[in-house]
């Protein structure tokens, strides 16, 4: 699937969350003055994904104060996400996309290369969606460590 570009309309979605509710992009956009930070990660509970989620958790207060909502999406089951949320005290929604529908729509599912091996999986990515539904920032193949700090700089929050 092709990657989203700045100015494109972000595909809407409704997915099950770790707490059993259903979260939609439309609802998140309504609650966020400056937009929604949608980040895609490969697997809850792995070292890199835990580091990234905790960085978002630790920056959530300032991101929210700046008018942004945060949501994480992975192909993990709701049960695994519930454990991840509890273990890491995550205070933002993490959503389950086991069929890769949203991951594919956002260009965050595709061919990856790691240690000389090629396979299909989640491309660690972050897309910022403005309240009106357009993409204002799209970053693909981001690093787990340091990504939130870079995102904060890119959004001119630091």
N, C-alpha and C. Protein backbone atom coordinates (compact mmCIF):
# COMPACT_ATOMS: atom_id res chain seq x y z
N UNK A 1 0.85 -1.18 0.00
CA UNK A 1 0.00 0.00 0.00
C UNK A 1 0.88 1.24 0.00
N UNK A 2 0.43 2.28 -0.63
CA UNK A 2 1.24 3.49 -0.71
C UNK A 2 1.14 4.29 0.58
N UNK A 3 2.16 5.06 0.82
CA UNK A 3 2.23 5.89 2.02
C UNK A 3 1.36 7.13 1.85
N UNK A 4 0.90 7.64 2.97
CA UNK A 4 0.12 8.88 2.94
C UNK A 4 1.07 10.06 2.82
N UNK A 5 0.61 11.07 2.11
CA UNK A 5 1.38 12.30 1.93
C UNK A 5 0.70 13.43 2.67
N UNK A 6 1.46 14.45 3.02
CA UNK A 6 0.90 15.64 3.65
C UNK A 6 -0.15 16.23 2.70
N UNK A 7 -1.31 16.58 3.25
CA UNK A 7 -2.41 17.14 2.46
C UNK A 7 -3.45 16.12 2.04
N UNK A 8 -3.10 14.82 2.11
CA UNK A 8 -4.06 13.77 1.76
C UNK A 8 -5.12 13.66 2.85
N UNK A 9 -6.27 13.12 2.49
CA UNK A 9 -7.30 12.84 3.47
C UNK A 9 -6.95 11.55 4.19
N UNK A 10 -6.92 11.61 5.51
CA UNK A 10 -6.59 10.42 6.31
C UNK A 10 -7.78 9.47 6.30
N UNK A 11 -7.55 8.18 6.03
CA UNK A 11 -8.64 7.21 6.09
C UNK A 11 -9.23 7.15 7.49
N UNK A 12 -10.55 7.18 7.57
CA UNK A 12 -11.20 7.08 8.88
C UNK A 12 -11.12 5.63 9.35
N UNK A 13 -11.24 5.42 10.64
CA UNK A 13 -11.23 4.07 11.18
C UNK A 13 -11.99 4.02 12.49
N UNK A 14 -12.44 2.83 12.82
CA UNK A 14 -13.00 2.49 14.12
C UNK A 14 -12.44 1.12 14.47
N UNK A 15 -11.73 1.04 15.59
CA UNK A 15 -11.08 -0.20 15.98
C UNK A 15 -11.31 -0.47 17.47
N UNK A 16 -11.24 -1.75 17.86
CA UNK A 16 -11.36 -2.08 19.28
C UNK A 16 -10.12 -1.65 20.06
N UNK A 17 -10.36 -1.12 21.25
CA UNK A 17 -9.29 -0.64 22.11
C UNK A 17 -9.00 -1.66 23.21
N UNK A 18 -7.88 -1.45 23.89
CA UNK A 18 -7.45 -2.34 24.98
C UNK A 18 -8.50 -2.45 26.08
N UNK A 19 -9.29 -1.38 26.29
CA UNK A 19 -10.30 -1.40 27.36
C UNK A 19 -11.63 -2.00 26.92
N UNK A 20 -11.70 -2.51 25.68
CA UNK A 20 -12.92 -3.14 25.18
C UNK A 20 -13.84 -2.19 24.44
N UNK A 21 -13.56 -0.89 24.49
CA UNK A 21 -14.38 0.07 23.76
C UNK A 21 -13.97 0.09 22.28
N UNK A 22 -14.71 0.84 21.49
CA UNK A 22 -14.34 1.07 20.09
C UNK A 22 -13.97 2.54 19.97
N UNK A 23 -12.84 2.81 19.35
CA UNK A 23 -12.34 4.17 19.19
C UNK A 23 -12.30 4.49 17.70
N UNK A 24 -12.82 5.67 17.35
CA UNK A 24 -12.80 6.08 15.94
C UNK A 24 -11.95 7.33 15.78
N UNK A 25 -11.36 7.45 14.60
CA UNK A 25 -10.59 8.64 14.29
C UNK A 25 -11.48 9.88 14.32
N UNK A 26 -12.71 9.76 13.83
CA UNK A 26 -13.63 10.90 13.82
C UNK A 26 -13.85 11.45 15.23
N UNK A 27 -14.04 10.56 16.21
CA UNK A 27 -14.23 11.01 17.59
C UNK A 27 -12.97 11.66 18.14
N UNK A 28 -11.83 11.07 17.86
CA UNK A 28 -10.57 11.64 18.34
C UNK A 28 -10.33 13.01 17.73
N UNK A 29 -10.62 13.16 16.44
CA UNK A 29 -10.43 14.46 15.77
C UNK A 29 -11.29 15.54 16.40
N UNK A 30 -12.51 15.18 16.81
CA UNK A 30 -13.41 16.16 17.44
C UNK A 30 -12.88 16.61 18.80
N UNK A 31 -12.14 15.75 19.47
CA UNK A 31 -11.67 16.07 20.82
C UNK A 31 -10.30 16.73 20.84
N UNK A 32 -9.66 16.85 19.69
CA UNK A 32 -8.30 17.37 19.63
C UNK A 32 -8.24 18.66 18.83
N UNK A 33 -7.86 19.71 19.49
CA UNK A 33 -7.84 21.04 18.87
C UNK A 33 -6.88 21.12 17.67
N UNK A 34 -5.70 20.49 17.78
CA UNK A 34 -4.70 20.59 16.72
C UNK A 34 -4.50 19.32 15.92
N UNK A 35 -5.08 18.21 16.37
CA UNK A 35 -4.98 16.99 15.59
C UNK A 35 -4.76 15.74 16.42
N UNK A 36 -4.66 14.64 15.70
CA UNK A 36 -4.49 13.33 16.32
C UNK A 36 -3.16 12.74 15.83
N UNK A 37 -2.35 12.32 16.78
CA UNK A 37 -1.11 11.63 16.47
C UNK A 37 -1.43 10.14 16.45
N UNK A 38 -1.38 9.54 15.27
CA UNK A 38 -1.66 8.11 15.10
C UNK A 38 -0.31 7.43 14.87
N UNK A 39 0.06 6.55 15.80
CA UNK A 39 1.34 5.87 15.58
C UNK A 39 1.11 4.37 15.48
N UNK A 40 1.88 3.76 14.60
CA UNK A 40 1.77 2.34 14.30
C UNK A 40 3.04 1.65 14.78
N UNK A 41 2.87 0.53 15.50
CA UNK A 41 4.01 -0.18 16.06
C UNK A 41 3.81 -1.68 15.89
N UNK A 42 4.90 -2.44 15.79
CA UNK A 42 4.79 -3.87 15.47
C UNK A 42 4.17 -4.76 16.53
N UNK A 43 4.59 -4.65 17.80
CA UNK A 43 4.12 -5.63 18.79
C UNK A 43 4.21 -5.10 20.21
N UNK A 44 3.10 -5.12 20.89
CA UNK A 44 3.04 -4.69 22.29
C UNK A 44 3.94 -5.57 23.14
N UNK A 45 4.63 -4.94 24.07
CA UNK A 45 5.44 -5.69 25.03
C UNK A 45 6.86 -5.97 24.58
N UNK A 46 7.21 -5.65 23.35
CA UNK A 46 8.59 -5.82 22.90
C UNK A 46 9.40 -4.60 23.34
N UNK A 47 10.71 -4.73 23.45
CA UNK A 47 11.49 -3.61 23.99
C UNK A 47 11.30 -2.27 23.25
N UNK A 48 11.41 -2.26 21.93
CA UNK A 48 11.27 -1.01 21.18
C UNK A 48 9.87 -0.42 21.28
N UNK A 49 8.87 -1.27 21.18
CA UNK A 49 7.48 -0.79 21.23
C UNK A 49 7.13 -0.30 22.63
N UNK A 50 7.68 -0.94 23.64
CA UNK A 50 7.46 -0.49 25.01
C UNK A 50 8.12 0.86 25.23
N UNK A 51 9.35 1.02 24.75
CA UNK A 51 10.06 2.30 24.87
C UNK A 51 9.26 3.41 24.20
N UNK A 52 8.78 3.16 22.99
CA UNK A 52 8.02 4.17 22.25
C UNK A 52 6.71 4.51 22.97
N UNK A 53 5.98 3.51 23.41
CA UNK A 53 4.71 3.74 24.10
C UNK A 53 4.94 4.53 25.39
N UNK A 54 5.99 4.19 26.13
CA UNK A 54 6.28 4.91 27.37
C UNK A 54 6.71 6.34 27.09
N UNK A 55 7.41 6.57 25.99
CA UNK A 55 7.75 7.94 25.61
C UNK A 55 6.49 8.74 25.31
N UNK A 56 5.53 8.14 24.60
CA UNK A 56 4.26 8.84 24.35
C UNK A 56 3.53 9.07 25.67
N UNK A 57 3.51 8.06 26.53
CA UNK A 57 2.86 8.19 27.84
C UNK A 57 3.47 9.35 28.63
N UNK A 58 4.79 9.41 28.66
CA UNK A 58 5.47 10.43 29.44
C UNK A 58 5.32 11.83 28.84
N UNK A 59 5.05 11.92 27.55
CA UNK A 59 4.86 13.22 26.88
C UNK A 59 3.39 13.57 26.70
N UNK A 60 2.50 12.69 27.14
CA UNK A 60 1.08 12.88 26.86
C UNK A 60 0.53 14.20 27.41
N UNK A 61 0.92 14.56 28.61
CA UNK A 61 0.43 15.80 29.21
C UNK A 61 0.73 17.02 28.35
N UNK A 62 1.97 17.11 27.88
CA UNK A 62 2.34 18.26 27.06
C UNK A 62 1.73 18.17 25.66
N UNK A 63 1.60 16.97 25.12
CA UNK A 63 0.96 16.82 23.80
C UNK A 63 -0.51 17.21 23.89
N UNK A 64 -1.18 16.76 24.95
CA UNK A 64 -2.59 17.11 25.16
C UNK A 64 -2.74 18.61 25.37
N UNK A 65 -1.84 19.20 26.15
CA UNK A 65 -1.89 20.64 26.40
C UNK A 65 -1.69 21.43 25.10
N UNK A 66 -0.93 20.84 24.16
CA UNK A 66 -0.71 21.48 22.87
C UNK A 66 -1.85 21.22 21.89
N UNK A 67 -2.87 20.48 22.33
CA UNK A 67 -4.05 20.25 21.48
C UNK A 67 -4.02 18.98 20.66
N UNK A 68 -3.19 18.01 21.04
CA UNK A 68 -3.10 16.76 20.29
C UNK A 68 -3.64 15.59 21.11
N UNK A 69 -4.30 14.67 20.43
CA UNK A 69 -4.66 13.37 21.00
C UNK A 69 -3.65 12.36 20.46
N UNK A 70 -3.44 11.27 21.19
CA UNK A 70 -2.50 10.23 20.77
C UNK A 70 -3.24 8.90 20.75
N UNK A 71 -2.97 8.10 19.72
CA UNK A 71 -3.51 6.75 19.64
C UNK A 71 -2.47 5.85 18.99
N UNK A 72 -2.29 4.65 19.56
CA UNK A 72 -1.37 3.67 19.00
C UNK A 72 -2.15 2.54 18.37
N UNK A 73 -1.62 2.00 17.26
CA UNK A 73 -2.29 0.89 16.56
C UNK A 73 -1.27 -0.19 16.24
N UNK A 74 -1.65 -1.44 16.54
CA UNK A 74 -0.81 -2.60 16.21
C UNK A 74 -1.72 -3.76 15.82
N UNK A 75 -1.14 -4.82 15.28
CA UNK A 75 -1.96 -5.99 14.95
C UNK A 75 -2.24 -6.90 16.15
N UNK A 76 -1.83 -6.50 17.35
CA UNK A 76 -2.03 -7.32 18.54
C UNK A 76 -3.50 -7.49 18.89
N UNK A 77 -3.80 -8.56 19.62
CA UNK A 77 -5.17 -8.81 20.09
C UNK A 77 -5.52 -7.81 21.19
N UNK A 78 -6.80 -7.63 21.41
CA UNK A 78 -7.28 -6.74 22.48
C UNK A 78 -6.75 -7.21 23.83
N UNK A 79 -6.74 -8.53 24.06
CA UNK A 79 -6.25 -9.07 25.33
C UNK A 79 -4.78 -8.72 25.57
N UNK A 80 -3.96 -8.86 24.53
CA UNK A 80 -2.54 -8.52 24.65
C UNK A 80 -2.38 -7.02 24.90
N UNK A 81 -3.18 -6.21 24.22
CA UNK A 81 -3.12 -4.76 24.41
C UNK A 81 -3.57 -4.37 25.82
N UNK A 82 -4.55 -5.08 26.37
CA UNK A 82 -5.01 -4.80 27.73
C UNK A 82 -3.88 -5.05 28.73
N UNK A 83 -3.15 -6.14 28.55
CA UNK A 83 -2.01 -6.43 29.44
C UNK A 83 -0.92 -5.36 29.27
N UNK A 84 -0.65 -5.00 28.04
CA UNK A 84 0.37 -3.98 27.73
C UNK A 84 0.00 -2.64 28.38
N UNK A 85 -1.25 -2.25 28.23
CA UNK A 85 -1.73 -0.99 28.81
C UNK A 85 -1.58 -1.00 30.33
N UNK A 86 -1.97 -2.11 30.95
CA UNK A 86 -1.87 -2.22 32.41
C UNK A 86 -0.41 -2.26 32.86
N UNK A 87 0.41 -3.07 32.20
CA UNK A 87 1.81 -3.22 32.58
C UNK A 87 2.58 -1.90 32.49
N UNK A 88 2.25 -1.09 31.48
CA UNK A 88 3.01 0.14 31.23
C UNK A 88 2.26 1.41 31.66
N UNK A 89 1.10 1.24 32.28
CA UNK A 89 0.28 2.38 32.74
C UNK A 89 0.03 3.38 31.61
N UNK A 90 -0.36 2.86 30.46
CA UNK A 90 -0.62 3.74 29.31
C UNK A 90 -1.94 4.47 29.53
N UNK A 91 -1.93 5.75 29.26
CA UNK A 91 -3.11 6.58 29.51
C UNK A 91 -3.70 7.14 28.22
N UNK A 92 -3.41 6.50 27.11
CA UNK A 92 -3.99 6.84 25.82
C UNK A 92 -4.44 5.54 25.17
N UNK A 93 -5.36 5.60 24.22
CA UNK A 93 -5.86 4.36 23.63
C UNK A 93 -4.83 3.66 22.73
N UNK A 94 -4.77 2.34 22.87
CA UNK A 94 -4.04 1.49 21.93
C UNK A 94 -5.07 0.56 21.31
N UNK A 95 -5.02 0.48 19.99
CA UNK A 95 -6.07 -0.19 19.23
C UNK A 95 -5.55 -1.42 18.53
N UNK A 96 -6.46 -2.38 18.33
CA UNK A 96 -6.15 -3.66 17.70
C UNK A 96 -6.59 -3.67 16.23
N UNK A 97 -5.66 -3.98 15.34
CA UNK A 97 -5.94 -4.07 13.90
C UNK A 97 -5.38 -5.40 13.36
N UNK A 98 -5.94 -6.54 13.83
CA UNK A 98 -5.36 -7.84 13.46
C UNK A 98 -5.48 -8.18 11.97
N UNK A 99 -6.43 -7.55 11.29
CA UNK A 99 -6.59 -7.81 9.84
C UNK A 99 -5.73 -6.86 9.00
N UNK A 100 -5.03 -5.93 9.65
CA UNK A 100 -4.13 -4.97 9.00
C UNK A 100 -4.86 -3.97 8.11
N UNK A 101 -6.15 -3.82 8.27
CA UNK A 101 -6.94 -2.93 7.41
C UNK A 101 -6.48 -1.49 7.52
N UNK A 102 -6.37 -0.98 8.73
CA UNK A 102 -5.94 0.40 8.93
C UNK A 102 -4.45 0.53 8.66
N UNK A 103 -3.67 -0.43 9.11
CA UNK A 103 -2.24 -0.42 8.83
C UNK A 103 -1.99 -0.29 7.32
N UNK A 104 -2.70 -1.05 6.53
CA UNK A 104 -2.53 -1.00 5.07
C UNK A 104 -3.02 0.33 4.51
N UNK A 105 -4.16 0.82 4.99
CA UNK A 105 -4.72 2.08 4.49
C UNK A 105 -3.77 3.25 4.74
N UNK A 106 -2.99 3.16 5.81
CA UNK A 106 -2.05 4.23 6.15
C UNK A 106 -0.64 3.99 5.61
N UNK A 107 -0.44 2.90 4.89
CA UNK A 107 0.88 2.59 4.35
C UNK A 107 1.86 2.11 5.40
N UNK A 108 1.34 1.62 6.52
CA UNK A 108 2.19 1.17 7.62
C UNK A 108 2.32 -0.35 7.67
N UNK A 109 1.94 -1.02 6.61
CA UNK A 109 2.07 -2.47 6.52
C UNK A 109 2.73 -2.76 5.18
N UNK A 110 3.83 -3.47 5.21
CA UNK A 110 4.51 -3.75 3.94
C UNK A 110 5.80 -4.49 4.14
N UNK A 111 6.60 -4.49 3.08
CA UNK A 111 7.85 -5.22 3.09
C UNK A 111 8.88 -4.51 3.96
N UNK A 112 9.56 -5.31 4.77
CA UNK A 112 10.60 -4.81 5.66
C UNK A 112 11.84 -5.66 5.49
N UNK A 113 12.97 -5.07 5.81
CA UNK A 113 14.22 -5.81 5.80
C UNK A 113 14.87 -5.64 7.16
N UNK A 114 15.28 -6.77 7.74
CA UNK A 114 15.91 -6.74 9.05
C UNK A 114 16.97 -7.83 9.10
N UNK A 115 18.20 -7.43 9.35
CA UNK A 115 19.31 -8.38 9.42
C UNK A 115 19.38 -9.27 8.19
N UNK A 116 19.20 -8.67 7.01
CA UNK A 116 19.30 -9.39 5.76
C UNK A 116 18.09 -10.22 5.39
N UNK A 117 17.07 -10.21 6.22
CA UNK A 117 15.86 -11.00 5.97
C UNK A 117 14.77 -10.05 5.50
N UNK A 118 14.02 -10.45 4.47
CA UNK A 118 12.90 -9.66 3.97
C UNK A 118 11.59 -10.33 4.37
N UNK A 119 10.67 -9.54 4.91
CA UNK A 119 9.39 -10.09 5.33
C UNK A 119 8.35 -8.97 5.30
N UNK A 120 7.07 -9.34 5.50
CA UNK A 120 5.98 -8.37 5.53
C UNK A 120 5.57 -8.15 6.97
N UNK A 121 5.40 -6.88 7.33
CA UNK A 121 5.02 -6.58 8.70
C UNK A 121 4.71 -5.11 8.89
N UNK A 122 4.62 -4.69 10.14
CA UNK A 122 4.31 -3.31 10.48
C UNK A 122 5.55 -2.45 10.24
N UNK A 123 5.35 -1.37 9.52
CA UNK A 123 6.39 -0.36 9.32
C UNK A 123 6.14 0.70 10.39
N UNK A 124 7.05 0.81 11.33
CA UNK A 124 6.87 1.76 12.44
C UNK A 124 6.70 3.16 11.85
N UNK A 125 5.53 3.75 12.08
CA UNK A 125 5.15 4.99 11.41
C UNK A 125 4.33 5.88 12.32
N UNK A 126 4.33 7.17 12.02
CA UNK A 126 3.49 8.13 12.74
C UNK A 126 2.86 9.08 11.72
N UNK A 127 1.55 9.26 11.85
CA UNK A 127 0.81 10.17 10.99
C UNK A 127 0.03 11.13 11.89
N UNK A 128 0.15 12.42 11.62
CA UNK A 128 -0.62 13.41 12.36
C UNK A 128 -1.78 13.85 11.47
N UNK A 129 -2.99 13.74 12.02
CA UNK A 129 -4.21 14.05 11.28
C UNK A 129 -4.83 15.31 11.89
N UNK A 130 -5.03 16.32 11.05
CA UNK A 130 -5.64 17.58 11.49
C UNK A 130 -7.10 17.36 11.84
N UNK A 131 -7.69 18.26 12.62
CA UNK A 131 -9.11 18.12 13.00
C UNK A 131 -10.05 17.97 11.81
N UNK A 132 -9.71 18.58 10.68
CA UNK A 132 -10.58 18.45 9.50
C UNK A 132 -10.32 17.17 8.71
N UNK A 133 -9.33 16.36 9.13
CA UNK A 133 -9.12 15.05 8.52
C UNK A 133 -7.99 14.95 7.52
N UNK A 134 -7.20 16.00 7.35
CA UNK A 134 -6.08 15.92 6.42
C UNK A 134 -4.79 15.57 7.16
N UNK A 135 -3.88 14.97 6.44
CA UNK A 135 -2.59 14.59 6.99
C UNK A 135 -1.69 15.84 7.04
N UNK A 136 -1.17 16.15 8.22
CA UNK A 136 -0.26 17.29 8.35
C UNK A 136 1.19 16.85 8.52
N UNK A 137 1.40 15.57 8.84
CA UNK A 137 2.75 15.04 9.00
C UNK A 137 2.66 13.53 8.80
N UNK A 138 3.59 12.97 8.04
CA UNK A 138 3.63 11.51 7.84
C UNK A 138 5.09 11.07 7.88
N UNK A 139 5.41 10.22 8.84
CA UNK A 139 6.77 9.74 9.00
C UNK A 139 6.75 8.22 9.01
N UNK A 140 7.61 7.62 8.16
CA UNK A 140 7.66 6.17 8.03
C UNK A 140 9.07 5.67 8.37
N UNK A 141 9.13 4.42 8.80
CA UNK A 141 10.40 3.80 9.21
C UNK A 141 11.08 4.60 10.31
N UNK A 142 10.27 5.03 11.28
CA UNK A 142 10.84 5.81 12.39
C UNK A 142 11.50 4.86 13.39
N UNK A 143 12.38 5.40 14.17
CA UNK A 143 13.05 4.63 15.21
C UNK A 143 12.22 4.70 16.49
N UNK A 144 12.19 3.61 17.22
CA UNK A 144 11.41 3.59 18.47
C UNK A 144 12.00 4.55 19.50
N UNK A 145 13.31 4.52 19.64
CA UNK A 145 13.97 5.36 20.62
C UNK A 145 14.21 6.75 20.04
N UNK A 146 13.75 7.75 20.75
CA UNK A 146 13.96 9.13 20.31
C UNK A 146 12.91 9.67 19.36
N UNK A 147 11.98 8.83 18.95
CA UNK A 147 10.99 9.28 17.97
C UNK A 147 10.07 10.36 18.54
N UNK A 148 9.61 10.18 19.77
CA UNK A 148 8.67 11.16 20.34
C UNK A 148 9.36 12.52 20.48
N UNK A 149 10.62 12.54 20.87
CA UNK A 149 11.35 13.80 20.97
C UNK A 149 11.46 14.46 19.60
N UNK A 150 11.75 13.67 18.57
CA UNK A 150 11.83 14.22 17.21
C UNK A 150 10.46 14.74 16.76
N UNK A 151 9.42 13.98 17.05
CA UNK A 151 8.07 14.40 16.68
C UNK A 151 7.72 15.72 17.37
N UNK A 152 8.06 15.85 18.62
CA UNK A 152 7.81 17.10 19.35
C UNK A 152 8.52 18.27 18.68
N UNK A 153 9.77 18.04 18.24
CA UNK A 153 10.49 19.10 17.52
C UNK A 153 9.81 19.42 16.19
N UNK A 154 9.41 18.38 15.46
CA UNK A 154 8.76 18.57 14.16
C UNK A 154 7.43 19.32 14.30
N UNK A 155 6.73 19.12 15.42
CA UNK A 155 5.47 19.81 15.68
C UNK A 155 5.70 21.18 16.34
N UNK A 156 6.99 21.51 16.52
CA UNK A 156 7.39 22.80 17.12
C UNK A 156 6.86 22.97 18.53
N UNK A 157 6.92 21.88 19.30
CA UNK A 157 6.49 21.92 20.69
C UNK A 157 7.67 22.12 21.63
N UNK A 158 8.88 21.90 21.13
CA UNK A 158 10.08 22.07 21.96
C UNK A 158 10.95 23.17 21.39
